[in-house]
Amino acid sequence: MWRKQRNLRRGHLPVLLSAIASLTMGLAVPSATTTNAHDNHRKAEVNTEQVQGRRIPDVRLTDQNGHRVRFLSDVLRQRRALISFIYTSCKTTCPMVGATVAKVAEQFQKDSSDLAIVSVSVDPDYDTPARLLSWRNEYGDIPQWTLLTGPKREIDQLLRAFGAYSANREDHSEILLLGPDEAGKWTRMSSLAAWYEVAAAIRAATVPAAK
């Protein structure tokens, strides 16, 4: 199921270890001097306060099965969500993100009614539903994992709301977003964080605070 992850492990292990060390959460903002060794992807420029202050639009998109869906009404459905940003022709970071998200989805398979696992294409002109489904299938049969494409205008609107927009797909933000919490905030993590770090953050976010 994780053959793509195994193939990447040897060549990208130094990069992955470095990314884990630079994991950012909550309101932490990466240093402006941080660079990526693997490609031109950039670190996120938006913190969770900015995401919280923006209205997340209920845009109409298309999922990997070709179904027309509303982002908030049909996909998130007032659930906590793990959101990533990918494009299927990416040969560097995105396959690693896919392997991580797939492993996390496996860990939370029984909790799929309470957690939305979503990947949004940053290249909607190329990423048709069929391409998204084929890309997801490389990681196994994971029906609880929703991949979204759609008109570029709607996709860009959503990306801007999450602070993940870039004019160049190769420079899209290297972030995972987890949220929202009860205050409407989103936790931001490196998209190259280890799957168990992401899973731990999800569990921590879903445990009620002690009174």
N, C-alpha and C. Protein backbone atom coordinates (compact mmCIF):
# COMPACT_ATOMS: atom_id res chain seq x y z
N MET A 1 0.81 -1.21 0.00
CA MET A 1 0.00 0.00 0.00
C MET A 1 0.85 1.26 0.00
N TRP A 2 2.03 1.09 0.65
CA TRP A 2 2.88 2.28 0.77
C TRP A 2 4.12 2.16 -0.12
N ARG A 3 3.99 1.51 -1.30
CA ARG A 3 5.15 1.31 -2.14
C ARG A 3 5.79 2.62 -2.57
N LYS A 4 4.97 3.63 -2.82
CA LYS A 4 5.54 4.92 -3.25
C LYS A 4 6.34 5.52 -2.10
N GLN A 5 5.87 5.37 -0.88
CA GLN A 5 6.61 5.88 0.28
C GLN A 5 7.92 5.15 0.43
N ARG A 6 7.94 3.82 0.18
CA ARG A 6 9.17 3.06 0.30
C ARG A 6 10.18 3.49 -0.76
N ASN A 7 9.72 3.74 -1.97
CA ASN A 7 10.60 4.16 -3.04
C ASN A 7 11.25 5.51 -2.75
N LEU A 8 10.53 6.39 -2.07
CA LEU A 8 11.04 7.72 -1.79
C LEU A 8 11.95 7.76 -0.57
N ARG A 9 11.81 6.76 0.28
CA ARG A 9 12.41 6.86 1.61
C ARG A 9 13.91 7.05 1.55
N ARG A 10 14.60 6.26 0.69
CA ARG A 10 16.05 6.32 0.69
C ARG A 10 16.56 7.66 0.17
N GLY A 11 16.03 8.10 -0.95
CA GLY A 11 16.54 9.31 -1.59
C GLY A 11 16.20 10.59 -0.85
N HIS A 12 15.10 10.58 -0.11
CA HIS A 12 14.64 11.82 0.51
C HIS A 12 14.75 11.82 2.03
N LEU A 13 15.40 10.77 2.60
CA LEU A 13 15.47 10.70 4.05
C LEU A 13 16.13 11.91 4.69
N PRO A 14 17.27 12.41 4.15
CA PRO A 14 17.85 13.62 4.78
C PRO A 14 16.93 14.81 4.74
N VAL A 15 16.21 14.97 3.62
CA VAL A 15 15.28 16.10 3.52
C VAL A 15 14.14 15.95 4.50
N LEU A 16 13.62 14.71 4.62
CA LEU A 16 12.49 14.47 5.52
C LEU A 16 12.88 14.72 6.96
N LEU A 17 14.10 14.27 7.35
CA LEU A 17 14.54 14.48 8.73
C LEU A 17 14.69 15.96 9.02
N SER A 18 15.19 16.69 8.03
CA SER A 18 15.33 18.14 8.20
C SER A 18 13.98 18.80 8.35
N ALA A 19 13.00 18.34 7.55
CA ALA A 19 11.67 18.95 7.61
C ALA A 19 11.01 18.68 8.95
N ILE A 20 11.21 17.44 9.48
CA ILE A 20 10.63 17.12 10.79
C ILE A 20 11.21 18.03 11.86
N ALA A 21 12.52 18.30 11.75
CA ALA A 21 13.15 19.15 12.75
C ALA A 21 12.61 20.56 12.72
N SER A 22 12.12 20.96 11.55
CA SER A 22 11.61 22.33 11.43
C SER A 22 10.11 22.42 11.50
N LEU A 23 9.48 21.35 12.04
CA LEU A 23 8.02 21.32 12.16
C LEU A 23 7.51 22.57 12.87
N THR A 24 6.48 23.18 12.28
CA THR A 24 5.87 24.34 12.90
C THR A 24 4.43 24.08 13.18
N MET A 25 3.96 24.56 14.35
CA MET A 25 2.58 24.37 14.73
C MET A 25 2.04 25.67 15.28
N GLY A 26 0.70 25.73 15.35
CA GLY A 26 0.05 26.87 15.97
C GLY A 26 0.44 28.16 15.31
N LEU A 27 0.91 29.13 16.09
CA LEU A 27 1.21 30.45 15.58
C LEU A 27 2.66 30.62 15.16
N ALA A 28 3.45 29.54 15.23
CA ALA A 28 4.85 29.67 14.87
C ALA A 28 4.99 29.97 13.40
N VAL A 29 5.92 30.86 13.06
CA VAL A 29 6.13 31.26 11.68
C VAL A 29 7.54 30.87 11.28
N PRO A 30 7.73 30.16 10.14
CA PRO A 30 9.07 29.76 9.73
C PRO A 30 9.96 30.97 9.48
N SER A 31 11.25 30.76 9.69
CA SER A 31 12.20 31.83 9.41
C SER A 31 12.19 32.17 7.94
N ALA A 32 12.34 33.46 7.64
CA ALA A 32 12.35 33.92 6.26
C ALA A 32 13.57 33.41 5.51
N THR A 33 14.61 32.95 6.25
CA THR A 33 15.82 32.48 5.61
C THR A 33 15.79 31.00 5.31
N THR A 34 14.71 30.30 5.75
CA THR A 34 14.61 28.86 5.53
C THR A 34 14.42 28.57 4.05
N THR A 35 15.20 27.62 3.51
CA THR A 35 15.07 27.22 2.12
C THR A 35 14.87 25.72 2.04
N ASN A 36 14.38 25.25 0.91
CA ASN A 36 14.14 23.83 0.70
C ASN A 36 15.21 23.27 -0.22
N ALA A 37 15.72 22.09 0.12
CA ALA A 37 16.77 21.51 -0.70
C ALA A 37 16.20 20.72 -1.86
N HIS A 38 14.95 20.26 -1.77
CA HIS A 38 14.44 19.32 -2.74
C HIS A 38 13.84 19.97 -3.98
N ASP A 39 13.26 21.16 -3.87
CA ASP A 39 12.71 21.83 -5.05
C ASP A 39 12.39 23.27 -4.71
N ASN A 40 11.57 23.93 -5.50
CA ASN A 40 11.32 25.36 -5.33
C ASN A 40 10.11 25.66 -4.46
N HIS A 41 9.50 24.63 -3.85
CA HIS A 41 8.34 24.89 -3.01
C HIS A 41 8.74 25.85 -1.89
N ARG A 42 7.83 26.72 -1.52
CA ARG A 42 8.14 27.69 -0.48
C ARG A 42 7.41 27.37 0.82
N LYS A 43 7.96 27.88 1.90
CA LYS A 43 7.28 27.75 3.18
C LYS A 43 6.09 28.69 3.24
N ALA A 44 5.15 28.37 4.12
CA ALA A 44 3.94 29.19 4.23
C ALA A 44 4.29 30.58 4.72
N GLU A 45 3.58 31.56 4.20
CA GLU A 45 3.78 32.94 4.62
C GLU A 45 2.64 33.43 5.51
N VAL A 46 1.71 32.57 5.82
CA VAL A 46 0.54 32.99 6.58
C VAL A 46 0.48 32.20 7.88
N ASN A 47 0.14 32.87 8.97
CA ASN A 47 0.02 32.15 10.22
C ASN A 47 -1.46 31.86 10.51
N THR A 48 -1.69 31.13 11.59
CA THR A 48 -3.06 30.69 11.85
C THR A 48 -3.99 31.84 12.20
N GLU A 49 -3.46 32.93 12.75
CA GLU A 49 -4.32 34.08 13.04
C GLU A 49 -4.89 34.66 11.75
N GLN A 50 -4.06 34.70 10.71
CA GLN A 50 -4.55 35.21 9.43
C GLN A 50 -5.61 34.30 8.83
N VAL A 51 -5.40 32.99 8.95
CA VAL A 51 -6.40 32.04 8.46
C VAL A 51 -7.70 32.21 9.23
N GLN A 52 -7.59 32.36 10.56
CA GLN A 52 -8.78 32.51 11.38
C GLN A 52 -9.56 33.75 10.99
N GLY A 53 -8.84 34.81 10.61
CA GLY A 53 -9.51 36.07 10.32
C GLY A 53 -10.15 36.14 8.96
N ARG A 54 -9.95 35.12 8.15
CA ARG A 54 -10.52 35.12 6.82
C ARG A 54 -11.73 34.19 6.76
N ARG A 55 -12.67 34.55 5.93
CA ARG A 55 -13.85 33.72 5.75
C ARG A 55 -13.52 32.61 4.76
N ILE A 56 -13.67 31.36 5.19
CA ILE A 56 -13.43 30.22 4.31
C ILE A 56 -14.65 30.06 3.41
N PRO A 57 -14.50 30.16 2.11
CA PRO A 57 -15.67 30.15 1.22
C PRO A 57 -16.22 28.74 0.99
N ASP A 58 -17.51 28.67 0.82
CA ASP A 58 -18.16 27.39 0.53
C ASP A 58 -18.23 27.21 -0.99
N VAL A 59 -17.05 27.18 -1.61
CA VAL A 59 -16.98 27.13 -3.06
C VAL A 59 -17.45 25.78 -3.59
N ARG A 60 -17.95 25.79 -4.82
CA ARG A 60 -18.41 24.56 -5.46
C ARG A 60 -17.25 23.97 -6.27
N LEU A 61 -16.83 22.77 -5.90
CA LEU A 61 -15.71 22.10 -6.53
C LEU A 61 -16.13 20.72 -7.02
N THR A 62 -15.16 19.94 -7.49
CA THR A 62 -15.43 18.59 -7.98
C THR A 62 -14.47 17.63 -7.29
N ASP A 63 -14.99 16.52 -6.78
CA ASP A 63 -14.12 15.56 -6.10
C ASP A 63 -13.56 14.54 -7.08
N GLN A 64 -12.77 13.62 -6.56
CA GLN A 64 -12.07 12.64 -7.40
C GLN A 64 -13.01 11.68 -8.11
N ASN A 65 -14.25 11.63 -7.69
CA ASN A 65 -15.25 10.78 -8.34
C ASN A 65 -16.09 11.53 -9.35
N GLY A 66 -15.78 12.80 -9.55
CA GLY A 66 -16.53 13.61 -10.50
C GLY A 66 -17.79 14.21 -9.93
N HIS A 67 -17.98 14.13 -8.62
CA HIS A 67 -19.17 14.68 -7.98
C HIS A 67 -18.97 16.16 -7.67
N ARG A 68 -19.96 16.96 -7.97
CA ARG A 68 -19.93 18.38 -7.63
C ARG A 68 -20.24 18.53 -6.14
N VAL A 69 -19.39 19.21 -5.41
CA VAL A 69 -19.53 19.32 -3.96
C VAL A 69 -19.26 20.75 -3.51
N ARG A 70 -19.85 21.12 -2.41
CA ARG A 70 -19.55 22.37 -1.74
C ARG A 70 -18.47 22.09 -0.69
N PHE A 71 -17.47 22.98 -0.62
CA PHE A 71 -16.33 22.72 0.25
C PHE A 71 -16.74 22.61 1.72
N LEU A 72 -17.52 23.55 2.20
CA LEU A 72 -17.92 23.53 3.61
C LEU A 72 -19.12 22.61 3.84
N SER A 73 -20.13 22.73 3.01
CA SER A 73 -21.39 22.03 3.25
C SER A 73 -21.28 20.52 3.03
N ASP A 74 -20.54 20.11 1.98
CA ASP A 74 -20.50 18.70 1.60
C ASP A 74 -19.22 17.99 2.00
N VAL A 75 -18.10 18.71 2.05
CA VAL A 75 -16.82 18.07 2.32
C VAL A 75 -16.44 18.16 3.80
N LEU A 76 -16.34 19.38 4.33
CA LEU A 76 -15.98 19.52 5.73
C LEU A 76 -17.14 19.14 6.66
N ARG A 77 -18.31 19.58 6.34
CA ARG A 77 -19.53 19.24 7.10
C ARG A 77 -19.35 19.46 8.62
N GLN A 78 -18.77 20.61 8.96
CA GLN A 78 -18.57 21.02 10.35
C GLN A 78 -17.71 20.03 11.14
N ARG A 79 -16.84 19.33 10.44
CA ARG A 79 -15.91 18.42 11.09
C ARG A 79 -14.52 19.04 11.17
N ARG A 80 -13.70 18.51 12.07
CA ARG A 80 -12.29 18.83 12.02
C ARG A 80 -11.74 18.31 10.70
N ALA A 81 -10.72 18.97 10.19
CA ALA A 81 -10.19 18.57 8.89
C ALA A 81 -8.68 18.62 8.87
N LEU A 82 -8.10 17.72 8.09
CA LEU A 82 -6.70 17.76 7.75
C LEU A 82 -6.64 18.10 6.26
N ILE A 83 -6.08 19.26 5.93
CA ILE A 83 -6.09 19.75 4.56
C ILE A 83 -4.66 19.88 4.05
N SER A 84 -4.42 19.33 2.86
CA SER A 84 -3.12 19.46 2.20
C SER A 84 -3.32 20.03 0.81
N PHE A 85 -2.22 20.47 0.21
CA PHE A 85 -2.27 21.11 -1.11
C PHE A 85 -1.26 20.42 -2.01
N ILE A 86 -1.74 19.85 -3.12
CA ILE A 86 -0.89 19.02 -3.97
C ILE A 86 -1.19 19.29 -5.44
N TYR A 87 -0.37 18.73 -6.31
CA TYR A 87 -0.74 18.62 -7.73
C TYR A 87 -0.13 17.32 -8.25
N THR A 88 -0.86 16.63 -9.11
CA THR A 88 -0.52 15.24 -9.44
C THR A 88 0.72 15.08 -10.30
N SER A 89 1.14 16.11 -11.02
CA SER A 89 2.34 16.00 -11.84
C SER A 89 3.61 16.31 -11.06
N CYS A 90 3.47 16.67 -9.81
CA CYS A 90 4.62 16.94 -8.93
C CYS A 90 5.37 15.64 -8.67
N LYS A 91 6.68 15.67 -8.78
CA LYS A 91 7.50 14.48 -8.59
C LYS A 91 8.42 14.58 -7.37
N THR A 92 8.29 15.63 -6.60
CA THR A 92 9.18 15.82 -5.46
C THR A 92 8.42 15.75 -4.14
N THR A 93 7.93 16.87 -3.68
CA THR A 93 7.28 16.93 -2.37
C THR A 93 5.92 16.22 -2.34
N CYS A 94 5.11 16.42 -3.35
CA CYS A 94 3.72 15.94 -3.29
C CYS A 94 3.59 14.43 -3.09
N PRO A 95 4.43 13.59 -3.72
CA PRO A 95 4.33 12.17 -3.41
C PRO A 95 4.61 11.85 -1.94
N MET A 96 5.50 12.60 -1.33
CA MET A 96 5.78 12.40 0.08
C MET A 96 4.60 12.84 0.94
N VAL A 97 3.98 13.95 0.55
CA VAL A 97 2.78 14.41 1.24
C VAL A 97 1.68 13.37 1.11
N GLY A 98 1.52 12.84 -0.10
CA GLY A 98 0.50 11.82 -0.32
C GLY A 98 0.70 10.60 0.55
N ALA A 99 1.94 10.14 0.68
CA ALA A 99 2.23 8.98 1.52
C ALA A 99 1.91 9.27 2.98
N THR A 100 2.22 10.47 3.43
CA THR A 100 1.92 10.86 4.81
C THR A 100 0.43 10.92 5.06
N VAL A 101 -0.30 11.58 4.17
CA VAL A 101 -1.75 11.72 4.33
C VAL A 101 -2.41 10.35 4.29
N ALA A 102 -1.95 9.47 3.40
CA ALA A 102 -2.52 8.14 3.30
C ALA A 102 -2.33 7.35 4.60
N LYS A 103 -1.15 7.46 5.18
CA LYS A 103 -0.89 6.76 6.44
C LYS A 103 -1.75 7.32 7.57
N VAL A 104 -1.89 8.63 7.61
CA VAL A 104 -2.75 9.24 8.62
C VAL A 104 -4.20 8.80 8.42
N ALA A 105 -4.65 8.77 7.18
CA ALA A 105 -6.02 8.33 6.90
C ALA A 105 -6.25 6.90 7.38
N GLU A 106 -5.25 6.06 7.22
CA GLU A 106 -5.35 4.68 7.70
C GLU A 106 -5.52 4.65 9.21
N GLN A 107 -4.78 5.51 9.91
CA GLN A 107 -4.84 5.53 11.38
C GLN A 107 -6.20 5.99 11.88
N PHE A 108 -6.88 6.84 11.10
CA PHE A 108 -8.15 7.41 11.54
C PHE A 108 -9.33 6.87 10.73
N GLN A 109 -9.16 5.68 10.17
CA GLN A 109 -10.20 5.10 9.33
C GLN A 109 -11.52 4.95 10.09
N LYS A 110 -11.45 4.56 11.36
CA LYS A 110 -12.67 4.38 12.15
C LYS A 110 -13.29 5.70 12.58
N ASP A 111 -12.53 6.78 12.45
CA ASP A 111 -13.03 8.09 12.87
C ASP A 111 -13.37 8.98 11.67
N SER A 112 -13.58 8.37 10.51
CA SER A 112 -13.78 9.15 9.29
C SER A 112 -15.03 10.02 9.34
N SER A 113 -16.00 9.65 10.19
CA SER A 113 -17.20 10.48 10.28
C SER A 113 -16.94 11.75 11.07
N ASP A 114 -15.82 11.79 11.82
CA ASP A 114 -15.50 12.95 12.64
C ASP A 114 -14.32 13.75 12.11
N LEU A 115 -13.65 13.25 11.08
CA LEU A 115 -12.46 13.90 10.55
C LEU A 115 -12.50 13.90 9.03
N ALA A 116 -12.42 15.08 8.44
CA ALA A 116 -12.35 15.20 6.98
C ALA A 116 -10.88 15.25 6.57
N ILE A 117 -10.49 14.38 5.67
CA ILE A 117 -9.13 14.37 5.14
C ILE A 117 -9.21 14.81 3.69
N VAL A 118 -8.62 15.96 3.40
CA VAL A 118 -8.85 16.64 2.12
C VAL A 118 -7.53 17.10 1.51
N SER A 119 -7.38 16.87 0.20
CA SER A 119 -6.26 17.43 -0.55
C SER A 119 -6.83 18.28 -1.67
N VAL A 120 -6.35 19.50 -1.78
CA VAL A 120 -6.83 20.44 -2.79
C VAL A 120 -5.76 20.60 -3.86
N SER A 121 -6.12 20.41 -5.12
CA SER A 121 -5.17 20.58 -6.21
C SER A 121 -4.86 22.06 -6.42
N VAL A 122 -3.57 22.36 -6.56
CA VAL A 122 -3.16 23.73 -6.90
C VAL A 122 -2.96 23.88 -8.40
N ASP A 123 -3.28 22.81 -9.14
CA ASP A 123 -3.17 22.82 -10.60
C ASP A 123 -4.47 22.29 -11.21
N PRO A 124 -5.58 22.98 -10.96
CA PRO A 124 -6.89 22.44 -11.36
C PRO A 124 -7.07 22.31 -12.87
N ASP A 125 -6.34 23.09 -13.67
CA ASP A 125 -6.47 22.98 -15.12
C ASP A 125 -5.98 21.62 -15.62
N TYR A 126 -5.00 21.05 -14.95
CA TYR A 126 -4.46 19.73 -15.34
C TYR A 126 -5.10 18.60 -14.54
N ASP A 127 -5.32 18.84 -13.27
CA ASP A 127 -5.80 17.78 -12.38
C ASP A 127 -7.30 17.55 -12.52
N THR A 128 -7.66 16.69 -13.45
CA THR A 128 -9.04 16.28 -13.61
C THR A 128 -9.42 15.33 -12.48
N PRO A 129 -10.70 15.09 -12.26
CA PRO A 129 -11.08 14.09 -11.25
C PRO A 129 -10.43 12.74 -11.49
N ALA A 130 -10.35 12.31 -12.75
CA ALA A 130 -9.73 11.02 -13.05
C ALA A 130 -8.26 10.98 -12.65
N ARG A 131 -7.55 12.07 -12.89
CA ARG A 131 -6.14 12.12 -12.50
C ARG A 131 -6.00 12.12 -10.99
N LEU A 132 -6.87 12.82 -10.30
CA LEU A 132 -6.82 12.82 -8.83
C LEU A 132 -7.09 11.43 -8.28
N LEU A 133 -8.09 10.75 -8.83
CA LEU A 133 -8.41 9.40 -8.35
C LEU A 133 -7.26 8.45 -8.61
N SER A 134 -6.65 8.53 -9.79
CA SER A 134 -5.52 7.68 -10.11
C SER A 134 -4.35 7.95 -9.17
N TRP A 135 -4.12 9.22 -8.86
CA TRP A 135 -3.03 9.59 -7.94
C TRP A 135 -3.30 9.03 -6.55
N ARG A 136 -4.53 9.17 -6.08
CA ARG A 136 -4.86 8.65 -4.75
C ARG A 136 -4.72 7.13 -4.71
N ASN A 137 -5.11 6.46 -5.78
CA ASN A 137 -5.07 5.00 -5.82
C ASN A 137 -3.66 4.45 -5.72
N GLU A 138 -2.66 5.28 -6.01
CA GLU A 138 -1.28 4.83 -5.86
C GLU A 138 -0.94 4.55 -4.40
N TYR A 139 -1.72 5.08 -3.50
CA TYR A 139 -1.48 4.89 -2.07
C TYR A 139 -2.44 3.89 -1.45
N GLY A 140 -3.33 3.32 -2.23
CA GLY A 140 -4.26 2.33 -1.72
C GLY A 140 -5.70 2.78 -1.87
N ASP A 141 -6.60 1.94 -1.40
CA ASP A 141 -8.03 2.24 -1.45
C ASP A 141 -8.40 3.00 -0.18
N ILE A 142 -8.54 4.32 -0.29
CA ILE A 142 -8.75 5.17 0.88
C ILE A 142 -9.96 6.06 0.62
N PRO A 143 -11.15 5.52 0.73
CA PRO A 143 -12.36 6.28 0.36
C PRO A 143 -12.61 7.51 1.22
N GLN A 144 -12.07 7.54 2.44
CA GLN A 144 -12.31 8.70 3.31
C GLN A 144 -11.44 9.90 2.96
N TRP A 145 -10.54 9.73 2.00
CA TRP A 145 -9.64 10.79 1.57
C TRP A 145 -10.25 11.47 0.35
N THR A 146 -10.62 12.75 0.48
CA THR A 146 -11.25 13.50 -0.61
C THR A 146 -10.22 14.40 -1.29
N LEU A 147 -10.17 14.31 -2.61
CA LEU A 147 -9.31 15.18 -3.41
C LEU A 147 -10.19 16.08 -4.25
N LEU A 148 -9.81 17.34 -4.34
CA LEU A 148 -10.68 18.34 -4.96
C LEU A 148 -9.99 19.11 -6.08
N THR A 149 -10.73 19.32 -7.14
CA THR A 149 -10.33 20.19 -8.23
C THR A 149 -11.53 21.05 -8.58
N GLY A 150 -11.44 21.82 -9.65
CA GLY A 150 -12.57 22.66 -10.01
C GLY A 150 -12.12 23.85 -10.82
N PRO A 151 -13.02 24.79 -11.07
CA PRO A 151 -12.64 26.00 -11.80
C PRO A 151 -11.51 26.73 -11.07
N LYS A 152 -10.55 27.21 -11.82
CA LYS A 152 -9.38 27.84 -11.21
C LYS A 152 -9.78 29.03 -10.32
N ARG A 153 -10.80 29.76 -10.72
CA ARG A 153 -11.23 30.91 -9.93
C ARG A 153 -11.65 30.48 -8.53
N GLU A 154 -12.42 29.39 -8.44
CA GLU A 154 -12.88 28.91 -7.13
C GLU A 154 -11.73 28.31 -6.32
N ILE A 155 -10.87 27.56 -7.01
CA ILE A 155 -9.71 26.99 -6.32
C ILE A 155 -8.83 28.10 -5.75
N ASP A 156 -8.55 29.11 -6.56
CA ASP A 156 -7.71 30.22 -6.10
C ASP A 156 -8.35 30.96 -4.93
N GLN A 157 -9.66 31.10 -4.97
CA GLN A 157 -10.37 31.75 -3.87
C GLN A 157 -10.18 30.98 -2.57
N LEU A 158 -10.27 29.66 -2.67
CA LEU A 158 -10.08 28.82 -1.49
C LEU A 158 -8.63 28.88 -1.01
N LEU A 159 -7.69 28.81 -1.93
CA LEU A 159 -6.28 28.85 -1.55
C LEU A 159 -5.93 30.17 -0.87
N ARG A 160 -6.47 31.26 -1.37
CA ARG A 160 -6.20 32.56 -0.75
C ARG A 160 -6.78 32.61 0.67
N ALA A 161 -7.95 32.04 0.84
CA ALA A 161 -8.56 32.06 2.18
C ALA A 161 -7.71 31.30 3.19
N PHE A 162 -7.04 30.25 2.72
CA PHE A 162 -6.18 29.46 3.61
C PHE A 162 -4.74 29.96 3.62
N GLY A 163 -4.46 31.03 2.88
CA GLY A 163 -3.09 31.54 2.83
C GLY A 163 -2.16 30.63 2.08
N ALA A 164 -2.68 29.85 1.13
CA ALA A 164 -1.88 28.86 0.42
C ALA A 164 -1.74 29.16 -1.06
N TYR A 165 -2.15 30.36 -1.48
CA TYR A 165 -2.12 30.68 -2.91
C TYR A 165 -0.72 31.07 -3.38
N SER A 166 -0.39 30.60 -4.57
CA SER A 166 0.82 31.05 -5.25
C SER A 166 0.53 31.07 -6.74
N ALA A 167 1.08 32.04 -7.45
CA ALA A 167 0.86 32.12 -8.89
C ALA A 167 1.52 30.96 -9.63
N ASN A 168 2.57 30.39 -9.04
CA ASN A 168 3.26 29.26 -9.64
C ASN A 168 3.01 28.01 -8.82
N ARG A 169 2.56 26.97 -9.47
CA ARG A 169 2.23 25.75 -8.73
C ARG A 169 3.46 25.18 -8.01
N GLU A 170 4.65 25.33 -8.62
CA GLU A 170 5.86 24.79 -8.00
C GLU A 170 6.20 25.48 -6.69
N ASP A 171 5.64 26.65 -6.47
CA ASP A 171 5.94 27.43 -5.27
C ASP A 171 4.81 27.41 -4.25
N HIS A 172 3.92 26.45 -4.37
CA HIS A 172 2.79 26.46 -3.44
C HIS A 172 3.26 26.15 -2.02
N SER A 173 2.47 26.56 -1.06
CA SER A 173 2.85 26.49 0.35
C SER A 173 3.04 25.07 0.83
N GLU A 174 4.11 24.87 1.57
CA GLU A 174 4.39 23.56 2.16
C GLU A 174 3.71 23.48 3.53
N ILE A 175 2.41 23.37 3.54
CA ILE A 175 1.72 23.31 4.82
C ILE A 175 0.65 22.24 4.82
N LEU A 176 0.39 21.73 6.01
CA LEU A 176 -0.81 20.98 6.32
C LEU A 176 -1.61 21.85 7.28
N LEU A 177 -2.89 21.87 7.11
CA LEU A 177 -3.75 22.63 8.01
C LEU A 177 -4.66 21.67 8.77
N LEU A 178 -4.71 21.83 10.07
CA LEU A 178 -5.56 21.03 10.94
C LEU A 178 -6.49 21.96 11.68
N GLY A 179 -7.78 21.73 11.57
CA GLY A 179 -8.73 22.58 12.27
C GLY A 179 -10.10 22.50 11.65
N PRO A 180 -10.93 23.45 11.98
CA PRO A 180 -10.67 24.48 12.99
C PRO A 180 -10.95 23.97 14.39
N ASP A 181 -10.32 24.61 15.38
CA ASP A 181 -10.62 24.25 16.76
C ASP A 181 -11.87 25.02 17.20
N GLU A 182 -12.19 24.95 18.48
CA GLU A 182 -13.42 25.57 18.97
C GLU A 182 -13.40 27.08 18.82
N ALA A 183 -12.19 27.65 18.75
CA ALA A 183 -12.07 29.10 18.58
C ALA A 183 -11.99 29.50 17.11
N GLY A 184 -12.06 28.51 16.22
CA GLY A 184 -11.99 28.79 14.80
C GLY A 184 -10.58 28.87 14.25
N LYS A 185 -9.58 28.51 15.05
CA LYS A 185 -8.20 28.59 14.62
C LYS A 185 -7.77 27.29 13.92
N TRP A 186 -6.81 27.45 13.01
CA TRP A 186 -6.22 26.32 12.31
C TRP A 186 -4.78 26.16 12.75
N THR A 187 -4.36 24.92 12.99
CA THR A 187 -2.97 24.62 13.30
C THR A 187 -2.23 24.36 12.00
N ARG A 188 -1.09 24.98 11.86
CA ARG A 188 -0.28 24.85 10.65
C ARG A 188 0.94 23.99 10.93
N MET A 189 1.17 23.00 10.08
CA MET A 189 2.31 22.11 10.21
C MET A 189 3.05 22.03 8.89
N SER A 190 4.30 21.61 8.95
CA SER A 190 5.03 21.33 7.72
C SER A 190 4.39 20.15 7.02
N SER A 191 4.25 20.24 5.71
CA SER A 191 3.67 19.13 4.96
C SER A 191 4.64 17.95 4.86
N LEU A 192 5.88 18.15 5.28
CA LEU A 192 6.85 17.07 5.29
C LEU A 192 7.05 16.48 6.69
N ALA A 193 6.17 16.83 7.60
CA ALA A 193 6.21 16.22 8.93
C ALA A 193 5.95 14.73 8.82
N ALA A 194 6.52 13.96 9.73
CA ALA A 194 6.28 12.52 9.76
C ALA A 194 4.80 12.25 10.06
N TRP A 195 4.28 11.15 9.52
CA TRP A 195 2.85 10.87 9.67
C TRP A 195 2.45 10.76 11.13
N TYR A 196 3.34 10.22 11.98
CA TYR A 196 2.98 10.06 13.39
C TYR A 196 2.92 11.41 14.11
N GLU A 197 3.69 12.41 13.62
CA GLU A 197 3.59 13.74 14.19
C GLU A 197 2.23 14.37 13.84
N VAL A 198 1.81 14.15 12.60
CA VAL A 198 0.51 14.66 12.17
C VAL A 198 -0.61 13.97 12.93
N ALA A 199 -0.51 12.65 13.06
CA ALA A 199 -1.53 11.90 13.80
C ALA A 199 -1.62 12.36 15.25
N ALA A 200 -0.46 12.61 15.86
CA ALA A 200 -0.45 13.07 17.25
C ALA A 200 -1.11 14.44 17.38
N ALA A 201 -0.88 15.32 16.40
CA ALA A 201 -1.50 16.64 16.43
C ALA A 201 -3.01 16.54 16.30
N ILE A 202 -3.48 15.63 15.46
CA ILE A 202 -4.92 15.43 15.31
C ILE A 202 -5.53 14.92 16.61
N ARG A 203 -4.88 13.94 17.22
CA ARG A 203 -5.40 13.39 18.47
C ARG A 203 -5.42 14.46 19.56
N ALA A 204 -4.37 15.26 19.62
CA ALA A 204 -4.31 16.32 20.63
C ALA A 204 -5.42 17.34 20.42
N ALA A 205 -5.73 17.60 19.16
CA ALA A 205 -6.75 18.61 18.86
C ALA A 205 -8.16 18.11 19.12
N THR A 206 -8.32 16.80 19.16
CA THR A 206 -9.67 16.25 19.34
C THR A 206 -9.95 15.81 20.76
N VAL A 207 -8.93 15.90 21.63
CA VAL A 207 -9.14 15.55 23.04
C VAL A 207 -9.69 16.76 23.77
N PRO A 208 -10.83 16.65 24.46
CA PRO A 208 -11.39 17.80 25.18
C PRO A 208 -10.43 18.32 26.22
N ALA A 209 -10.35 19.61 26.37
CA ALA A 209 -9.46 20.21 27.37
C ALA A 209 -9.95 19.87 28.77
N ALA A 210 -8.99 19.62 29.66
CA ALA A 210 -9.32 19.27 31.04
C ALA A 210 -9.91 20.48 31.74
N LYS A 211 -10.95 20.25 32.54
CA LYS A 211 -11.59 21.33 33.27
C LYS A 211 -10.98 21.48 34.67
